N, C-alpha and C. Protein backbone atom coordinates (compact mmCIF):
# COMPACT_ATOMS: atom_id res chain seq x y z
N MET A 1 -65.81 -145.19 65.97
CA MET A 1 -64.49 -145.56 66.45
C MET A 1 -64.41 -147.06 66.71
N ASP A 2 -65.46 -147.67 67.29
CA ASP A 2 -65.44 -149.10 67.57
C ASP A 2 -65.28 -149.91 66.28
N GLU A 3 -65.93 -149.48 65.19
CA GLU A 3 -65.81 -150.19 63.93
C GLU A 3 -64.37 -150.14 63.43
N PHE A 4 -63.71 -148.99 63.54
CA PHE A 4 -62.32 -148.87 63.11
C PHE A 4 -61.43 -149.80 63.92
N CYS A 5 -61.65 -149.84 65.25
CA CYS A 5 -60.84 -150.70 66.10
C CYS A 5 -61.04 -152.16 65.73
N ALA A 6 -62.29 -152.56 65.52
CA ALA A 6 -62.57 -153.95 65.15
C ALA A 6 -61.97 -154.28 63.79
N GLU A 7 -62.10 -153.36 62.84
CA GLU A 7 -61.57 -153.58 61.49
C GLU A 7 -60.05 -153.65 61.51
N ALA A 8 -59.42 -152.75 62.26
CA ALA A 8 -57.96 -152.68 62.27
C ALA A 8 -57.32 -153.89 62.94
N THR A 9 -58.05 -154.57 63.82
CA THR A 9 -57.47 -155.74 64.48
C THR A 9 -58.03 -157.04 63.92
N GLY A 10 -58.74 -156.95 62.77
CA GLY A 10 -59.29 -158.15 62.14
C GLY A 10 -58.21 -159.05 61.60
N ARG A 11 -58.49 -160.33 61.49
CA ARG A 11 -57.50 -161.31 61.03
C ARG A 11 -56.96 -160.99 59.65
N ASP A 12 -57.80 -160.54 58.71
CA ASP A 12 -57.31 -160.28 57.36
C ASP A 12 -56.20 -159.23 57.37
N ASP A 13 -56.41 -158.15 58.13
CA ASP A 13 -55.43 -157.09 58.21
C ASP A 13 -54.13 -157.59 58.83
N LEU A 14 -54.23 -158.35 59.91
CA LEU A 14 -53.03 -158.84 60.57
C LEU A 14 -52.31 -159.88 59.73
N ASP A 15 -53.05 -160.76 59.08
CA ASP A 15 -52.42 -161.75 58.21
C ASP A 15 -51.68 -161.07 57.06
N ARG A 16 -52.30 -160.04 56.47
CA ARG A 16 -51.65 -159.31 55.37
C ARG A 16 -50.38 -158.64 55.88
N ASP A 17 -50.43 -158.05 57.09
CA ASP A 17 -49.24 -157.42 57.65
C ASP A 17 -48.12 -158.42 57.85
N LEU A 18 -48.43 -159.62 58.31
CA LEU A 18 -47.40 -160.65 58.50
C LEU A 18 -46.77 -161.03 57.17
N ALA A 19 -47.59 -161.13 56.13
CA ALA A 19 -47.09 -161.55 54.83
C ALA A 19 -46.19 -160.49 54.19
N HIS A 20 -46.51 -159.22 54.40
CA HIS A 20 -45.80 -158.15 53.70
C HIS A 20 -44.91 -157.30 54.59
N GLY A 21 -44.98 -157.49 55.91
CA GLY A 21 -44.17 -156.69 56.83
C GLY A 21 -44.69 -155.28 56.93
N PRO A 22 -44.04 -154.45 57.74
CA PRO A 22 -44.48 -153.07 57.90
C PRO A 22 -44.49 -152.32 56.58
N ARG A 23 -45.50 -151.50 56.36
CA ARG A 23 -45.62 -150.72 55.13
C ARG A 23 -44.68 -149.53 55.18
N ASP A 24 -44.22 -149.10 54.01
CA ASP A 24 -43.37 -147.92 53.94
C ASP A 24 -44.24 -146.68 53.87
N THR A 25 -44.30 -145.96 54.97
CA THR A 25 -45.03 -144.70 55.04
C THR A 25 -44.42 -143.90 56.18
N ASP A 26 -44.50 -142.60 56.08
CA ASP A 26 -43.94 -141.75 57.12
C ASP A 26 -44.96 -141.46 58.22
N GLU A 27 -46.22 -141.74 57.96
CA GLU A 27 -47.28 -141.38 58.90
C GLU A 27 -47.49 -142.45 59.97
N VAL A 28 -47.57 -142.01 61.21
CA VAL A 28 -47.90 -142.89 62.33
C VAL A 28 -49.24 -142.42 62.89
N THR A 29 -50.14 -143.37 63.07
CA THR A 29 -51.45 -143.07 63.65
C THR A 29 -51.64 -143.95 64.86
N VAL A 30 -52.09 -143.37 65.98
CA VAL A 30 -52.41 -144.11 67.18
C VAL A 30 -53.90 -143.91 67.47
N VAL A 31 -54.63 -145.02 67.55
CA VAL A 31 -56.06 -144.98 67.82
C VAL A 31 -56.31 -145.59 69.19
N VAL A 32 -57.03 -144.87 70.04
CA VAL A 32 -57.40 -145.38 71.36
C VAL A 32 -58.74 -146.08 71.21
N CYS A 33 -58.75 -147.40 71.35
CA CYS A 33 -59.98 -148.17 71.25
C CYS A 33 -60.68 -148.18 72.61
N PRO A 34 -61.97 -147.85 72.63
CA PRO A 34 -62.70 -147.86 73.91
C PRO A 34 -62.62 -149.24 74.56
N ASP A 35 -62.23 -149.29 75.82
CA ASP A 35 -62.09 -150.54 76.57
C ASP A 35 -61.20 -151.55 75.85
N GLY A 36 -60.24 -151.06 75.09
CA GLY A 36 -59.35 -151.96 74.35
C GLY A 36 -57.96 -151.39 74.22
N PRO A 37 -57.22 -151.87 73.24
CA PRO A 37 -55.81 -151.51 73.08
C PRO A 37 -55.60 -150.16 72.40
N LEU A 38 -54.35 -149.78 72.32
CA LEU A 38 -53.92 -148.67 71.47
C LEU A 38 -53.49 -149.30 70.15
N LEU A 39 -54.08 -148.87 69.05
CA LEU A 39 -53.68 -149.37 67.74
C LEU A 39 -52.64 -148.43 67.17
N VAL A 40 -51.49 -148.97 66.83
CA VAL A 40 -50.40 -148.18 66.27
C VAL A 40 -50.21 -148.62 64.84
N ARG A 41 -50.42 -147.69 63.91
CA ARG A 41 -50.30 -147.96 62.48
C ARG A 41 -49.21 -147.06 61.92
N GLY A 42 -48.26 -147.65 61.23
CA GLY A 42 -47.17 -146.86 60.66
C GLY A 42 -45.84 -147.23 61.31
N PRO A 43 -44.77 -146.52 60.92
CA PRO A 43 -43.42 -146.92 61.31
C PRO A 43 -42.97 -146.46 62.70
N ALA A 44 -43.83 -146.56 63.70
CA ALA A 44 -43.43 -146.19 65.05
C ALA A 44 -42.42 -147.20 65.57
N ARG A 45 -41.42 -146.72 66.28
CA ARG A 45 -40.42 -147.59 66.90
C ARG A 45 -40.90 -147.92 68.30
N ILE A 46 -41.03 -149.19 68.62
CA ILE A 46 -41.50 -149.62 69.93
C ILE A 46 -40.31 -150.19 70.69
N VAL A 47 -40.10 -149.70 71.92
CA VAL A 47 -38.98 -150.14 72.74
C VAL A 47 -39.48 -150.59 74.11
N ASP A 48 -38.68 -151.43 74.78
CA ASP A 48 -39.05 -151.88 76.13
C ASP A 48 -38.59 -150.84 77.15
N THR A 49 -38.73 -151.15 78.42
CA THR A 49 -38.41 -150.18 79.48
C THR A 49 -36.92 -149.83 79.55
N GLU A 50 -36.09 -150.64 78.90
CA GLU A 50 -34.66 -150.35 78.88
C GLU A 50 -34.20 -149.78 77.54
N GLY A 51 -35.17 -149.44 76.69
CA GLY A 51 -34.84 -148.83 75.41
C GLY A 51 -34.48 -149.78 74.30
N ARG A 52 -34.61 -151.07 74.54
CA ARG A 52 -34.30 -152.07 73.50
C ARG A 52 -35.50 -152.20 72.56
N PRO A 53 -35.25 -152.26 71.25
CA PRO A 53 -36.35 -152.40 70.30
C PRO A 53 -37.14 -153.70 70.54
N VAL A 54 -38.46 -153.61 70.42
CA VAL A 54 -39.34 -154.76 70.53
C VAL A 54 -39.68 -155.19 69.11
N GLU A 55 -39.54 -156.49 68.84
CA GLU A 55 -39.81 -156.99 67.49
C GLU A 55 -41.22 -156.63 67.06
N ARG A 56 -41.31 -156.19 65.83
CA ARG A 56 -42.60 -155.80 65.25
C ARG A 56 -42.67 -156.36 63.85
N ARG A 57 -43.64 -157.27 63.60
CA ARG A 57 -43.76 -157.91 62.29
C ARG A 57 -44.99 -157.46 61.53
N ARG A 58 -45.73 -156.51 62.06
CA ARG A 58 -46.97 -156.07 61.43
C ARG A 58 -46.96 -154.55 61.28
N ALA A 59 -47.64 -154.08 60.26
CA ALA A 59 -47.75 -152.64 60.04
C ALA A 59 -48.69 -152.01 61.06
N THR A 60 -49.66 -152.78 61.53
CA THR A 60 -50.58 -152.32 62.57
C THR A 60 -50.43 -153.24 63.76
N VAL A 61 -50.13 -152.67 64.93
CA VAL A 61 -50.01 -153.46 66.15
C VAL A 61 -50.97 -152.91 67.19
N ALA A 62 -51.42 -153.78 68.07
CA ALA A 62 -52.31 -153.40 69.17
C ALA A 62 -51.52 -153.51 70.46
N LEU A 63 -51.33 -152.38 71.13
CA LEU A 63 -50.60 -152.35 72.39
C LEU A 63 -51.57 -152.46 73.56
N CYS A 64 -51.29 -153.36 74.47
CA CYS A 64 -52.16 -153.62 75.62
C CYS A 64 -52.22 -152.42 76.55
N ARG A 65 -53.43 -152.12 77.04
CA ARG A 65 -53.60 -151.08 78.07
C ARG A 65 -54.12 -151.67 79.38
N CYS A 66 -54.61 -152.92 79.36
CA CYS A 66 -55.22 -153.47 80.58
C CYS A 66 -54.21 -154.18 81.48
N GLY A 67 -53.07 -154.57 80.93
CA GLY A 67 -52.05 -155.25 81.73
C GLY A 67 -52.28 -156.74 81.90
N LYS A 68 -53.28 -157.30 81.27
CA LYS A 68 -53.62 -158.72 81.44
C LYS A 68 -53.08 -159.60 80.31
N THR A 69 -52.47 -159.01 79.31
CA THR A 69 -52.00 -159.76 78.15
C THR A 69 -50.89 -160.75 78.50
N GLY A 70 -50.84 -161.82 77.75
CA GLY A 70 -49.78 -162.80 77.92
C GLY A 70 -48.66 -162.60 76.90
N ILE A 71 -48.80 -161.59 76.03
CA ILE A 71 -47.80 -161.34 74.99
C ILE A 71 -47.35 -159.88 75.01
N ALA A 72 -47.11 -159.36 76.20
CA ALA A 72 -46.73 -157.95 76.38
C ALA A 72 -45.57 -157.57 75.46
N PRO A 73 -45.60 -156.39 74.89
CA PRO A 73 -46.52 -155.29 75.12
C PRO A 73 -47.78 -155.35 74.25
N TYR A 74 -47.93 -156.42 73.50
CA TYR A 74 -49.04 -156.50 72.56
C TYR A 74 -50.31 -157.05 73.20
N CYS A 75 -51.44 -156.68 72.64
CA CYS A 75 -52.75 -157.10 73.13
C CYS A 75 -53.06 -158.52 72.66
N ASP A 76 -53.60 -159.34 73.56
CA ASP A 76 -54.05 -160.68 73.17
C ASP A 76 -55.55 -160.84 73.34
N GLY A 77 -56.26 -159.74 73.62
CA GLY A 77 -57.71 -159.79 73.76
C GLY A 77 -58.19 -160.02 75.17
N ALA A 78 -57.29 -160.09 76.15
CA ALA A 78 -57.68 -160.35 77.53
C ALA A 78 -58.62 -159.28 78.07
N HIS A 79 -58.58 -158.07 77.50
CA HIS A 79 -59.45 -156.99 77.95
C HIS A 79 -60.92 -157.26 77.68
N LYS A 80 -61.21 -158.19 76.80
CA LYS A 80 -62.60 -158.46 76.43
C LYS A 80 -63.41 -159.04 77.59
N ALA A 81 -62.74 -159.67 78.55
CA ALA A 81 -63.44 -160.26 79.70
C ALA A 81 -63.94 -159.18 80.65
N ARG A 82 -63.24 -158.06 80.72
CA ARG A 82 -63.62 -156.96 81.62
C ARG A 82 -63.39 -155.63 80.92
N SER A 83 -64.20 -154.65 81.27
CA SER A 83 -63.97 -153.31 80.76
C SER A 83 -62.85 -152.69 81.59
N ARG A 84 -62.33 -151.54 81.17
CA ARG A 84 -61.27 -150.86 81.92
C ARG A 84 -61.76 -150.43 83.30
N SER A 85 -63.08 -150.27 83.48
CA SER A 85 -63.61 -149.87 84.78
C SER A 85 -63.69 -151.04 85.75
N GLY A 86 -63.45 -152.27 85.26
CA GLY A 86 -63.49 -153.44 86.12
C GLY A 86 -64.85 -154.13 86.15
N VAL A 87 -65.83 -153.55 85.48
CA VAL A 87 -67.17 -154.14 85.42
C VAL A 87 -67.20 -155.18 84.33
N PRO A 88 -67.70 -156.40 84.60
CA PRO A 88 -67.78 -157.41 83.53
C PRO A 88 -68.50 -156.84 82.30
N ARG A 89 -67.99 -157.10 81.13
CA ARG A 89 -68.50 -156.51 79.89
C ARG A 89 -69.99 -156.73 79.70
N GLN A 90 -70.52 -157.90 80.03
CA GLN A 90 -71.94 -158.12 79.80
C GLN A 90 -72.81 -157.22 80.67
N ASP A 91 -72.25 -156.62 81.73
CA ASP A 91 -73.01 -155.72 82.59
C ASP A 91 -72.87 -154.26 82.20
N VAL A 92 -72.04 -153.95 81.20
CA VAL A 92 -71.84 -152.57 80.78
C VAL A 92 -72.96 -152.19 79.84
N ARG A 93 -73.61 -151.07 80.13
CA ARG A 93 -74.70 -150.56 79.29
C ARG A 93 -74.18 -149.47 78.37
N PRO A 94 -74.65 -149.44 77.10
CA PRO A 94 -74.19 -148.38 76.16
C PRO A 94 -74.66 -147.01 76.60
């Protein structure tokens, strides 16, 4: 699962999504990345708390779960400094 999360949020995938926009497919997949974001792939409609559509320029987006992002609702990698349990990542044992 970690490899899929890393691959799905890699620069090549995101750059390709920006160049070509969301792909035409009916399937939506949501992947829960351990200590990371929710990856949403496919034509899911994302709205804010008032039901207004949130701009989406990529076929795969990473939604923040830690609440520390500066680009809400999207992930900016802020979760990498700490795990969801609050323990600094370098202290987390596999």
